[in-house]
Amino acid sequence: MKKKPPKAKFTAEDDDLLVDLKEVRKLTWKQIAEHFDGRTAGALQVRYCTKLKARSIDWSDEDVEALHEAMKDYEDERWIVVSQKMGSKFTASVCREKYNEIKGL
């Protein structure tokens, strides 16, 4: 069985064209594939959905604040889990402080 040659990486121009065809011109994946030699509709859809779609989302100030809060909550919960694994001797904040100290943060 012959090996397929590796696909060329997507260029910035490919990405820009893909976003334009999908978001501005509202083409189907089959129609979009006609603009790309050697790329299937499925491959283009995967590229768009996993790498490009999120770039076109507008973040409001509220969205950014919610992200900060979610990360703060995650950080707090993460250190609680770490302290539980260390045993009752160490609190979450003590574990966080020691970790930052040994990592030079």
PDB file of N, CA and C in Angstrom:
ATOM      1  N   MET A   1       0.833  -1.178   0.000  1.00  0.00           N
ATOM      2  CA  MET A   1       0.000   0.000   0.000  1.00  0.00           C
ATOM      3  C   MET A   1       0.886   1.252   0.000  1.00  0.00           C
ATOM      4  N   LYS A   2       0.612   2.172  -0.888  1.00  0.00           N
ATOM      5  CA  LYS A   2       1.404   3.389  -0.990  1.00  0.00           C
ATOM      6  C   LYS A   2       1.031   4.358   0.125  1.00  0.00           C
ATOM      7  N   LYS A   3       2.054   5.021   0.626  1.00  0.00           N
ATOM      8  CA  LYS A   3       1.800   6.070   1.613  1.00  0.00           C
ATOM      9  C   LYS A   3       1.374   7.330   0.882  1.00  0.00           C
ATOM     10  N   LYS A   4       0.418   8.041   1.494  1.00  0.00           N
ATOM     11  CA  LYS A   4       0.019   9.320   0.922  1.00  0.00           C
ATOM     12  C   LYS A   4       1.060  10.366   1.292  1.00  0.00           C
ATOM     13  N   PRO A   5       1.362  11.272   0.379  1.00  0.00           N
ATOM     14  CA  PRO A   5       2.300  12.336   0.736  1.00  0.00           C
ATOM     15  C   PRO A   5       1.670  13.225   1.809  1.00  0.00           C
ATOM     16  N   PRO A   6       2.500  13.784   2.691  1.00  0.00           N
ATOM     17  CA  PRO A   6       1.935  14.633   3.740  1.00  0.00           C
ATOM     18  C   PRO A   6       1.276  15.869   3.142  1.00  0.00           C
ATOM     19  N   LYS A   7       0.186  16.270   3.751  1.00  0.00           N
ATOM     20  CA  LYS A   7      -0.520  17.461   3.281  1.00  0.00           C
ATOM     21  C   LYS A   7       0.295  18.695   3.621  1.00  0.00           C
ATOM     22  N   ALA A   8       0.219  19.663   2.740  1.00  0.00           N
ATOM     23  CA  ALA A   8       0.861  20.940   3.037  1.00  0.00           C
ATOM     24  C   ALA A   8       0.104  21.606   4.184  1.00  0.00           C
ATOM     25  N   LYS A   9       0.842  22.301   5.010  1.00  0.00           N
ATOM     26  CA  LYS A   9       0.209  22.993   6.127  1.00  0.00           C
ATOM     27  C   LYS A   9      -0.662  24.118   5.594  1.00  0.00           C
ATOM     28  N   PHE A  10      -1.690  24.448   6.375  1.00  0.00           N
ATOM     29  CA  PHE A  10      -2.533  25.579   6.019  1.00  0.00           C
ATOM     30  C   PHE A  10      -1.726  26.862   6.192  1.00  0.00           C
ATOM     31  N   THR A  11      -1.825  27.736   5.222  1.00  0.00           N
ATOM     32  CA  THR A  11      -1.161  29.035   5.322  1.00  0.00           C
ATOM     33  C   THR A  11      -2.139  30.043   5.913  1.00  0.00           C
ATOM     34  N   ALA A  12      -1.631  31.203   6.269  1.00  0.00           N
ATOM     35  CA  ALA A  12      -2.499  32.277   6.764  1.00  0.00           C
ATOM     36  C   ALA A  12      -3.500  32.672   5.681  1.00  0.00           C
ATOM     37  N   GLU A  13      -3.057  32.641   4.432  1.00  0.00           N
ATOM     38  CA  GLU A  13      -3.955  32.974   3.319  1.00  0.00           C
ATOM     39  C   GLU A  13      -5.064  31.931   3.191  1.00  0.00           C
ATOM     40  N   ASP A  14      -4.709  30.647   3.373  1.00  0.00           N
ATOM     41  CA  ASP A  14      -5.722  29.586   3.352  1.00  0.00           C
ATOM     42  C   ASP A  14      -6.764  29.833   4.436  1.00  0.00           C
ATOM     43  N   ASP A  15      -6.284  30.143   5.631  1.00  0.00           N
ATOM     44  CA  ASP A  15      -7.195  30.375   6.752  1.00  0.00           C
ATOM     45  C   ASP A  15      -8.107  31.565   6.488  1.00  0.00           C
ATOM     46  N   ASP A  16      -7.535  32.651   5.975  1.00  0.00           N
ATOM     47  CA  ASP A  16      -8.344  33.838   5.675  1.00  0.00           C
ATOM     48  C   ASP A  16      -9.404  33.528   4.628  1.00  0.00           C
ATOM     49  N   LEU A  17      -9.019  32.794   3.590  1.00  0.00           N
ATOM     50  CA  LEU A  17      -9.969  32.424   2.545  1.00  0.00           C
ATOM     51  C   LEU A  17     -11.061  31.528   3.110  1.00  0.00           C
ATOM     52  N   LEU A  18     -10.681  30.573   3.920  1.00  0.00           N
ATOM     53  CA  LEU A  18     -11.647  29.651   4.512  1.00  0.00           C
ATOM     54  C   LEU A  18     -12.675  30.399   5.356  1.00  0.00           C
ATOM     55  N   VAL A  19     -12.214  31.309   6.190  1.00  0.00           N
ATOM     56  CA  VAL A  19     -13.126  32.093   7.029  1.00  0.00           C
ATOM     57  C   VAL A  19     -14.036  32.952   6.154  1.00  0.00           C
ATOM     58  N   ASP A  20     -13.479  33.576   5.130  1.00  0.00           N
ATOM     59  CA  ASP A  20     -14.277  34.415   4.240  1.00  0.00           C
ATOM     60  C   ASP A  20     -15.357  33.602   3.534  1.00  0.00           C
ATOM     61  N   LEU A  21     -14.987  32.456   3.008  1.00  0.00           N
ATOM     62  CA  LEU A  21     -15.959  31.632   2.281  1.00  0.00           C
ATOM     63  C   LEU A  21     -17.066  31.126   3.196  1.00  0.00           C
ATOM     64  N   LYS A  22     -16.723  30.826   4.433  1.00  0.00           N
ATOM     65  CA  LYS A  22     -17.716  30.281   5.363  1.00  0.00           C
ATOM     66  C   LYS A  22     -18.564  31.378   5.990  1.00  0.00           C
ATOM     67  N   GLU A  23     -17.929  32.421   6.504  1.00  0.00           N
ATOM     68  CA  GLU A  23     -18.649  33.417   7.289  1.00  0.00           C
ATOM     69  C   GLU A  23     -19.221  34.563   6.466  1.00  0.00           C
ATOM     70  N   VAL A  24     -18.536  34.965   5.421  1.00  0.00           N
ATOM     71  CA  VAL A  24     -19.000  36.095   4.623  1.00  0.00           C
ATOM     72  C   VAL A  24     -19.861  35.621   3.457  1.00  0.00           C
ATOM     73  N   ARG A  25     -19.335  34.667   2.701  1.00  0.00           N
ATOM     74  CA  ARG A  25     -20.061  34.195   1.521  1.00  0.00           C
ATOM     75  C   ARG A  25     -21.057  33.091   1.836  1.00  0.00           C
ATOM     76  N   LYS A  26     -20.965  32.519   3.058  1.00  0.00           N
ATOM     77  CA  LYS A  26     -21.927  31.506   3.541  1.00  0.00           C
ATOM     78  C   LYS A  26     -22.018  30.289   2.619  1.00  0.00           C
ATOM     79  N   LEU A  27     -20.873  29.831   2.112  1.00  0.00           N
ATOM     80  CA  LEU A  27     -20.861  28.667   1.232  1.00  0.00           C
ATOM     81  C   LEU A  27     -20.946  27.377   2.040  1.00  0.00           C
ATOM     82  N   THR A  28     -21.371  26.310   1.372  1.00  0.00           N
ATOM     83  CA  THR A  28     -21.385  24.986   1.999  1.00  0.00           C
ATOM     84  C   THR A  28     -19.960  24.445   2.004  1.00  0.00           C
ATOM     85  N   TRP A  29     -19.727  23.383   2.780  1.00  0.00           N
ATOM     86  CA  TRP A  29     -18.383  22.805   2.825  1.00  0.00           C
ATOM     87  C   TRP A  29     -17.985  22.249   1.464  1.00  0.00           C
ATOM     88  N   LYS A  30     -18.925  21.687   0.752  1.00  0.00           N
ATOM     89  CA  LYS A  30     -18.634  21.159  -0.584  1.00  0.00           C
ATOM     90  C   LYS A  30     -18.214  22.293  -1.523  1.00  0.00           C
ATOM     91  N   GLN A  31     -18.923  23.415  -1.449  1.00  0.00           N
ATOM     92  CA  GLN A  31     -18.565  24.564  -2.284  1.00  0.00           C
ATOM     93  C   GLN A  31     -17.202  25.135  -1.888  1.00  0.00           C
ATOM     94  N   ILE A  32     -16.934  25.172  -0.595  1.00  0.00           N
ATOM     95  CA  ILE A  32     -15.651  25.689  -0.111  1.00  0.00           C
ATOM     96  C   ILE A  32     -14.506  24.813  -0.609  1.00  0.00           C
ATOM     97  N   ALA A  33     -14.706  23.495  -0.596  1.00  0.00           N
ATOM     98  CA  ALA A  33     -13.657  22.562  -1.024  1.00  0.00           C
ATOM     99  C   ALA A  33     -13.243  22.801  -2.473  1.00  0.00           C
ATOM    100  N   GLU A  34     -14.136  23.332  -3.282  1.00  0.00           N
ATOM    101  CA  GLU A  34     -13.814  23.619  -4.679  1.00  0.00           C
ATOM    102  C   GLU A  34     -12.741  24.704  -4.807  1.00  0.00           C
ATOM    103  N   HIS A  35     -12.533  25.486  -3.760  1.00  0.00           N
ATOM    104  CA  HIS A  35     -11.538  26.563  -3.768  1.00  0.00           C
ATOM    105  C   HIS A  35     -10.165  26.101  -3.269  1.00  0.00           C
ATOM    106  N   PHE A  36     -10.077  24.833  -2.829  1.00  0.00           N
ATOM    107  CA  PHE A  36      -8.836  24.315  -2.249  1.00  0.00           C
ATOM    108  C   PHE A  36      -8.445  23.015  -2.943  1.00  0.00           C
ATOM    109  N   ASP A  37      -7.347  23.038  -3.673  1.00  0.00           N
ATOM    110  CA  ASP A  37      -6.857  21.821  -4.319  1.00  0.00           C
ATOM    111  C   ASP A  37      -6.352  20.846  -3.261  1.00  0.00           C
ATOM    112  N   GLY A  38      -6.782  19.595  -3.366  1.00  0.00           N
ATOM    113  CA  GLY A  38      -6.272  18.554  -2.489  1.00  0.00           C
ATOM    114  C   GLY A  38      -6.815  18.561  -1.073  1.00  0.00           C
ATOM    115  N   ARG A  39      -7.821  19.356  -0.804  1.00  0.00           N
ATOM    116  CA  ARG A  39      -8.424  19.399   0.531  1.00  0.00           C
ATOM    117  C   ARG A  39      -9.880  18.956   0.419  1.00  0.00           C
ATOM    118  N   THR A  40     -10.268  18.069   1.322  1.00  0.00           N
ATOM    119  CA  THR A  40     -11.655  17.603   1.308  1.00  0.00           C
ATOM    120  C   THR A  40     -12.531  18.566   2.096  1.00  0.00           C
ATOM    121  N   ALA A  41     -13.827  18.466   1.855  1.00  0.00           N
ATOM    122  CA  ALA A  41     -14.777  19.275   2.616  1.00  0.00           C
ATOM    123  C   ALA A  41     -14.640  18.977   4.104  1.00  0.00           C
ATOM    124  N   GLY A  42     -14.444  17.707   4.431  1.00  0.00           N
ATOM    125  CA  GLY A  42     -14.296  17.318   5.834  1.00  0.00           C
ATOM    126  C   GLY A  42     -13.060  17.914   6.479  1.00  0.00           C
ATOM    127  N   ALA A  43     -11.948  17.903   5.764  1.00  0.00           N
ATOM    128  CA  ALA A  43     -10.710  18.467   6.304  1.00  0.00           C
ATOM    129  C   ALA A  43     -10.847  19.968   6.533  1.00  0.00           C
ATOM    130  N   LEU A  44     -11.517  20.633   5.619  1.00  0.00           N
ATOM    131  CA  LEU A  44     -11.722  22.075   5.760  1.00  0.00           C
ATOM    132  C   LEU A  44     -12.659  22.386   6.924  1.00  0.00           C
ATOM    133  N   GLN A  45     -13.677  21.561   7.088  1.00  0.00           N
ATOM    134  CA  GLN A  45     -14.605  21.761   8.197  1.00  0.00           C
ATOM    135  C   GLN A  45     -13.893  21.570   9.536  1.00  0.00           C
ATOM    136  N   VAL A  46     -13.060  20.548   9.621  1.00  0.00           N
ATOM    137  CA  VAL A  46     -12.305  20.312  10.856  1.00  0.00           C
ATOM    138  C   VAL A  46     -11.390  21.504  11.137  1.00  0.00           C
ATOM    139  N   ARG A  47     -10.691  21.985  10.118  1.00  0.00           N
ATOM    140  CA  ARG A  47      -9.800  23.138  10.297  1.00  0.00           C
ATOM    141  C   ARG A  47     -10.579  24.338  10.821  1.00  0.00           C
ATOM    142  N   TYR A  48     -11.707  24.613  10.204  1.00  0.00           N
ATOM    143  CA  TYR A  48     -12.515  25.766  10.603  1.00  0.00           C
ATOM    144  C   TYR A  48     -13.032  25.614  12.033  1.00  0.00           C
ATOM    145  N   CYS A  49     -13.600  24.470  12.330  1.00  0.00           N
ATOM    146  CA  CYS A  49     -14.232  24.275  13.639  1.00  0.00           C
ATOM    147  C   CYS A  49     -13.229  24.203  14.779  1.00  0.00           C
ATOM    148  N   THR A  50     -12.038  23.671  14.520  1.00  0.00           N
ATOM    149  CA  THR A  50     -11.076  23.503  15.611  1.00  0.00           C
ATOM    150  C   THR A  50     -10.074  24.645  15.726  1.00  0.00           C
ATOM    151  N   LYS A  51      -9.828  25.370  14.659  1.00  0.00           N
ATOM    152  CA  LYS A  51      -8.774  26.391  14.706  1.00  0.00           C
ATOM    153  C   LYS A  51      -9.240  27.809  14.400  1.00  0.00           C
ATOM    154  N   LEU A  52     -10.288  27.962  13.615  1.00  0.00           N
ATOM    155  CA  LEU A  52     -10.595  29.293  13.098  1.00  0.00           C
ATOM    156  C   LEU A  52     -11.876  29.913  13.639  1.00  0.00           C
ATOM    157  N   LYS A  53     -12.874  29.114  13.903  1.00  0.00           N
ATOM    158  CA  LYS A  53     -14.175  29.646  14.309  1.00  0.00           C
ATOM    159  C   LYS A  53     -14.062  30.524  15.551  1.00  0.00           C
ATOM    160  N   ALA A  54     -13.282  30.092  16.516  1.00  0.00           N
ATOM    161  CA  ALA A  54     -13.154  30.836  17.773  1.00  0.00           C
ATOM    162  C   ALA A  54     -12.495  32.196  17.572  1.00  0.00           C
ATOM    163  N   ARG A  55     -11.696  32.352  16.522  1.00  0.00           N
ATOM    164  CA  ARG A  55     -11.038  33.644  16.279  1.00  0.00           C
ATOM    165  C   ARG A  55     -12.036  34.736  15.947  1.00  0.00           C
ATOM    166  N   SER A  56     -13.180  34.368  15.408  1.00  0.00           N
ATOM    167  CA  SER A  56     -14.135  35.377  14.964  1.00  0.00           C
ATOM    168  C   SER A  56     -15.180  35.715  16.023  1.00  0.00           C
ATOM    169  N   ILE A  57     -15.048  35.144  17.214  1.00  0.00           N
ATOM    170  CA  ILE A  57     -15.996  35.440  18.288  1.00  0.00           C
ATOM    171  C   ILE A  57     -15.574  36.733  18.969  1.00  0.00           C
ATOM    172  N   ASP A  58     -16.526  37.640  19.139  1.00  0.00           N
ATOM    173  CA  ASP A  58     -16.251  38.888  19.840  1.00  0.00           C
ATOM    174  C   ASP A  58     -16.404  38.683  21.335  1.00  0.00           C
ATOM    175  N   TRP A  59     -15.428  39.134  22.093  1.00  0.00           N
ATOM    176  CA  TRP A  59     -15.452  39.034  23.551  1.00  0.00           C
ATOM    177  C   TRP A  59     -15.879  40.386  24.115  1.00  0.00           C
ATOM    178  N   SER A  60     -16.957  40.381  24.882  1.00  0.00           N
ATOM    179  CA  SER A  60     -17.375  41.604  25.568  1.00  0.00           C
ATOM    180  C   SER A  60     -16.547  41.752  26.839  1.00  0.00           C
ATOM    181  N   ASP A  61     -16.609  42.929  27.447  1.00  0.00           N
ATOM    182  CA  ASP A  61     -15.924  43.135  28.729  1.00  0.00           C
ATOM    183  C   ASP A  61     -16.453  42.163  29.775  1.00  0.00           C
ATOM    184  N   GLU A  62     -17.759  41.880  29.718  1.00  0.00           N
ATOM    185  CA  GLU A  62     -18.368  40.940  30.659  1.00  0.00           C
ATOM    186  C   GLU A  62     -17.839  39.522  30.439  1.00  0.00           C
ATOM    187  N   ASP A  63     -17.641  39.145  29.179  1.00  0.00           N
ATOM    188  CA  ASP A  63     -17.087  37.824  28.873  1.00  0.00           C
ATOM    189  C   ASP A  63     -15.674  37.689  29.435  1.00  0.00           C
ATOM    190  N   VAL A  64     -14.880  38.727  29.263  1.00  0.00           N
ATOM    191  CA  VAL A  64     -13.503  38.706  29.758  1.00  0.00           C
ATOM    192  C   VAL A  64     -13.497  38.613  31.279  1.00  0.00           C
ATOM    193  N   GLU A  65     -14.365  39.378  31.929  1.00  0.00           N
ATOM    194  CA  GLU A  65     -14.453  39.327  33.389  1.00  0.00           C
ATOM    195  C   GLU A  65     -14.897  37.942  33.855  1.00  0.00           C
ATOM    196  N   ALA A  66     -15.867  37.349  33.156  1.00  0.00           N
ATOM    197  CA  ALA A  66     -16.330  36.003  33.511  1.00  0.00           C
ATOM    198  C   ALA A  66     -15.200  34.984  33.351  1.00  0.00           C
ATOM    199  N   LEU A  67     -14.375  35.152  32.335  1.00  0.00           N
ATOM    200  CA  LEU A  67     -13.223  34.269  32.143  1.00  0.00           C
ATOM    201  C   LEU A  67     -12.244  34.405  33.306  1.00  0.00           C
ATOM    202  N   HIS A  68     -11.966  35.643  33.703  1.00  0.00           N
ATOM    203  CA  HIS A  68     -11.075  35.861  34.851  1.00  0.00           C
ATOM    204  C   HIS A  68     -11.630  35.195  36.107  1.00  0.00           C
ATOM    205  N   GLU A  69     -12.918  35.349  36.342  1.00  0.00           N
ATOM    206  CA  GLU A  69     -13.548  34.750  37.524  1.00  0.00           C
ATOM    207  C   GLU A  69     -13.495  33.226  37.460  1.00  0.00           C
ATOM    208  N   ALA A  70     -13.770  32.674  36.285  1.00  0.00           N
ATOM    209  CA  ALA A  70     -13.733  31.218  36.129  1.00  0.00           C
ATOM    210  C   ALA A  70     -12.328  30.687  36.396  1.00  0.00           C
ATOM    211  N   MET A  71     -11.315  31.387  35.899  1.00  0.00           N
ATOM    212  CA  MET A  71      -9.938  30.954  36.142  1.00  0.00           C
ATOM    213  C   MET A  71      -9.567  31.075  37.612  1.00  0.00           C
ATOM    214  N   LYS A  72     -10.035  32.117  38.261  1.00  0.00           N
ATOM    215  CA  LYS A  72      -9.770  32.273  39.699  1.00  0.00           C
ATOM    216  C   LYS A  72     -10.406  31.116  40.462  1.00  0.00           C
ATOM    217  N   ASP A  73     -11.661  30.799  40.128  1.00  0.00           N
ATOM    218  CA  ASP A  73     -12.342  29.675  40.781  1.00  0.00           C
ATOM    219  C   ASP A  73     -11.591  28.372  40.528  1.00  0.00           C
ATOM    220  N   TYR A  74     -11.146  28.180  39.301  1.00  0.00           N
ATOM    221  CA  TYR A  74     -10.403  26.973  38.951  1.00  0.00           C
ATOM    222  C   TYR A  74      -9.110  26.887  39.756  1.00  0.00           C
ATOM    223  N   GLU A  75      -8.385  27.992  39.832  1.00  0.00           N
ATOM    224  CA  GLU A  75      -7.131  28.008  40.594  1.00  0.00           C
ATOM    225  C   GLU A  75      -7.390  27.659  42.049  1.00  0.00           C
ATOM    226  N   ASP A  76      -8.438  28.248  42.632  1.00  0.00           N
ATOM    227  CA  ASP A  76      -8.770  27.958  44.031  1.00  0.00           C
ATOM    228  C   ASP A  76      -9.092  26.478  44.209  1.00  0.00           C
ATOM    229  N   GLU A  77      -9.912  25.932  43.318  1.00  0.00           N
ATOM    230  CA  GLU A  77     -10.298  24.518  43.407  1.00  0.00           C
ATOM    231  C   GLU A  77      -9.091  23.605  43.196  1.00  0.00           C
ATOM    232  N   ARG A  78      -8.219  23.994  42.311  1.00  0.00           N
ATOM    233  CA  ARG A  78      -7.031  23.188  42.030  1.00  0.00           C
ATOM    234  C   ARG A  78      -6.172  23.046  43.279  1.00  0.00           C
ATOM    235  N   TRP A  79      -5.997  24.117  43.996  1.00  0.00           N
ATOM    236  CA  TRP A  79      -5.162  24.056  45.197  1.00  0.00           C
ATOM    237  C   TRP A  79      -5.853  23.320  46.332  1.00  0.00           C
ATOM    238  N   ILE A  80      -7.168  23.326  46.351  1.00  0.00           N
ATOM    239  CA  ILE A  80      -7.893  22.522  47.345  1.00  0.00           C
ATOM    240  C   ILE A  80      -7.618  21.042  47.095  1.00  0.00           C
ATOM    241  N   VAL A  81      -7.664  20.633  45.834  1.00  0.00           N
ATOM    242  CA  VAL A  81      -7.381  19.236  45.477  1.00  0.00           C
ATOM    243  C   VAL A  81      -5.943  18.874  45.856  1.00  0.00           C
ATOM    244  N   VAL A  82      -5.011  19.764  45.557  1.00  0.00           N
ATOM    245  CA  VAL A  82      -3.609  19.510  45.897  1.00  0.00           C
ATOM    246  C   VAL A  82      -3.455  19.344  47.403  1.00  0.00           C
ATOM    247  N   SER A  83      -4.071  20.229  48.181  1.00  0.00           N
ATOM    248  CA  SER A  83      -3.929  20.137  49.641  1.00  0.00           C
ATOM    249  C   SER A  83      -4.544  18.850  50.173  1.00  0.00           C
ATOM    250  N   GLN A  84      -5.646  18.396  49.572  1.00  0.00           N
ATOM    251  CA  GLN A  84      -6.253  17.128  49.991  1.00  0.00           C
ATOM    252  C   GLN A  84      -5.300  15.963  49.727  1.00  0.00           C
ATOM    253  N   LYS A  85      -4.593  16.015  48.616  1.00  0.00           N
ATOM    254  CA  LYS A  85      -3.638  14.954  48.295  1.00  0.00           C
ATOM    255  C   LYS A  85      -2.423  14.986  49.225  1.00  0.00           C
ATOM    256  N   MET A  86      -2.123  16.147  49.771  1.00  0.00           N
ATOM    257  CA  MET A  86      -0.990  16.294  50.684  1.00  0.00           C
ATOM    258  C   MET A  86      -1.339  15.869  52.106  1.00  0.00           C
ATOM    259  N   GLY A  87      -2.611  15.746  52.385  1.00  0.00           N
ATOM    260  CA  GLY A  87      -3.026  15.384  53.741  1.00  0.00           C
ATOM    261  C   GLY A  87      -3.457  16.619  54.517  1.00  0.00           C
ATOM    262  N   SER A  88      -3.941  16.404  55.716  1.00  0.00           N
ATOM    263  CA  SER A  88      -4.523  17.496  56.499  1.00  0.00           C
ATOM    264  C   SER A  88      -3.484  18.477  57.035  1.00  0.00           C
ATOM    265  N   LYS A  89      -2.233  18.178  56.851  1.00  0.00           N
ATOM    266  CA  LYS A  89      -1.156  19.016  57.377  1.00  0.00           C
ATOM    267  C   LYS A  89      -1.026  20.357  56.639  1.00  0.00           C
ATOM    268  N   PHE A  90      -1.425  20.388  55.355  1.00  0.00           N
ATOM    269  CA  PHE A  90      -1.195  21.566  54.527  1.00  0.00           C
ATOM    270  C   PHE A  90      -2.506  22.122  53.969  1.00  0.00           C
ATOM    271  N   THR A  91      -2.724  23.430  54.132  1.00  0.00           N
ATOM    272  CA  THR A  91      -3.907  24.071  53.551  1.00  0.00           C
ATOM    273  C   THR A  91      -3.649  24.364  52.072  1.00  0.00           C
ATOM    274  N   ALA A  92      -4.716  24.715  51.373  1.00  0.00           N
ATOM    275  CA  ALA A  92      -4.596  25.045  49.953  1.00  0.00           C
ATOM    276  C   ALA A  92      -3.660  26.236  49.750  1.00  0.00           C
ATOM    277  N   SER A  93      -3.816  27.262  50.570  1.00  0.00           N
ATOM    278  CA  SER A  93      -2.976  28.452  50.390  1.00  0.00           C
ATOM    279  C   SER A  93      -1.512  28.166  50.712  1.00  0.00           C
ATOM    280  N   VAL A  94      -1.253  27.330  51.723  1.00  0.00           N
ATOM    281  CA  VAL A  94       0.129  26.966  52.059  1.00  0.00           C
ATOM    282  C   VAL A  94       0.761  26.182  50.905  1.00  0.00           C
ATOM    283  N   CYS A  95       0.009  25.266  50.321  1.00  0.00           N
ATOM    284  CA  CYS A  95       0.521  24.498  49.174  1.00  0.00           C
ATOM    285  C   CYS A  95       0.828  25.420  48.002  1.00  0.00           C
ATOM    286  N   ARG A  96      -0.082  26.346  47.711  1.00  0.00           N
ATOM    287  CA  ARG A  96       0.116  27.282  46.600  1.00  0.00           C
ATOM    288  C   ARG A  96       1.359  28.138  46.843  1.00  0.00           C
ATOM    289  N   GLU A  97       1.489  28.676  48.049  1.00  0.00           N
ATOM    290  CA  GLU A  97       2.636  29.530  48.364  1.00  0.00           C
ATOM    291  C   GLU A  97       3.952  28.762  48.249  1.00  0.00           C
ATOM    292  N   LYS A  98       3.982  27.546  48.764  1.00  0.00           N
ATOM    293  CA  LYS A  98       5.212  26.749  48.696  1.00  0.00           C
ATOM    294  C   LYS A  98       5.556  26.402  47.251  1.00  0.00           C
ATOM    295  N   TYR A  99       4.545  26.035  46.477  1.00  0.00           N
ATOM    296  CA  TYR A  99       4.782  25.704  45.073  1.00  0.00           C
ATOM    297  C   TYR A  99       5.356  26.913  44.335  1.00  0.00           C
ATOM    298  N   ASN A 100       4.753  28.071  44.542  1.00  0.00           N
ATOM    299  CA  ASN A 100       5.252  29.285  43.890  1.00  0.00           C
ATOM    300  C   ASN A 100       6.675  29.610  44.339  1.00  0.00           C
ATOM    301  N   GLU A 101       6.963  29.361  45.600  1.00  0.00           N
ATOM    302  CA  GLU A 101       8.309  29.601  46.135  1.00  0.00           C
ATOM    303  C   GLU A 101       9.339  28.695  45.453  1.00  0.00           C
ATOM    304  N   ILE A 102       9.033  27.402  45.350  1.00  0.00           N
ATOM    305  CA  ILE A 102      10.013  26.483  44.767  1.00  0.00           C
ATOM    306  C   ILE A 102      10.124  26.630  43.252  1.00  0.00           C
ATOM    307  N   LYS A 103       9.095  27.166  42.630  1.00  0.00           N
ATOM    308  CA  LYS A 103       9.142  27.420  41.187  1.00  0.00           C
ATOM    309  C   LYS A 103       9.703  28.802  40.876  1.00  0.00           C
ATOM    310  N   GLY A 104       9.963  29.594  41.912  1.00  0.00           N
ATOM    311  CA  GLY A 104      10.527  30.925  41.704  1.00  0.00           C
ATOM    312  C   GLY A 104       9.534  31.935  41.183  1.00  0.00           C
ATOM    313  N   LEU A 105       8.256  31.749  41.505  1.00  0.00           N
ATOM    314  CA  LEU A 105       7.230  32.683  41.024  1.00  0.00           C
ATOM    315  C   LEU A 105       6.980  33.805  41.997  1.00  0.00           C
TER     316      LEU A 105
END
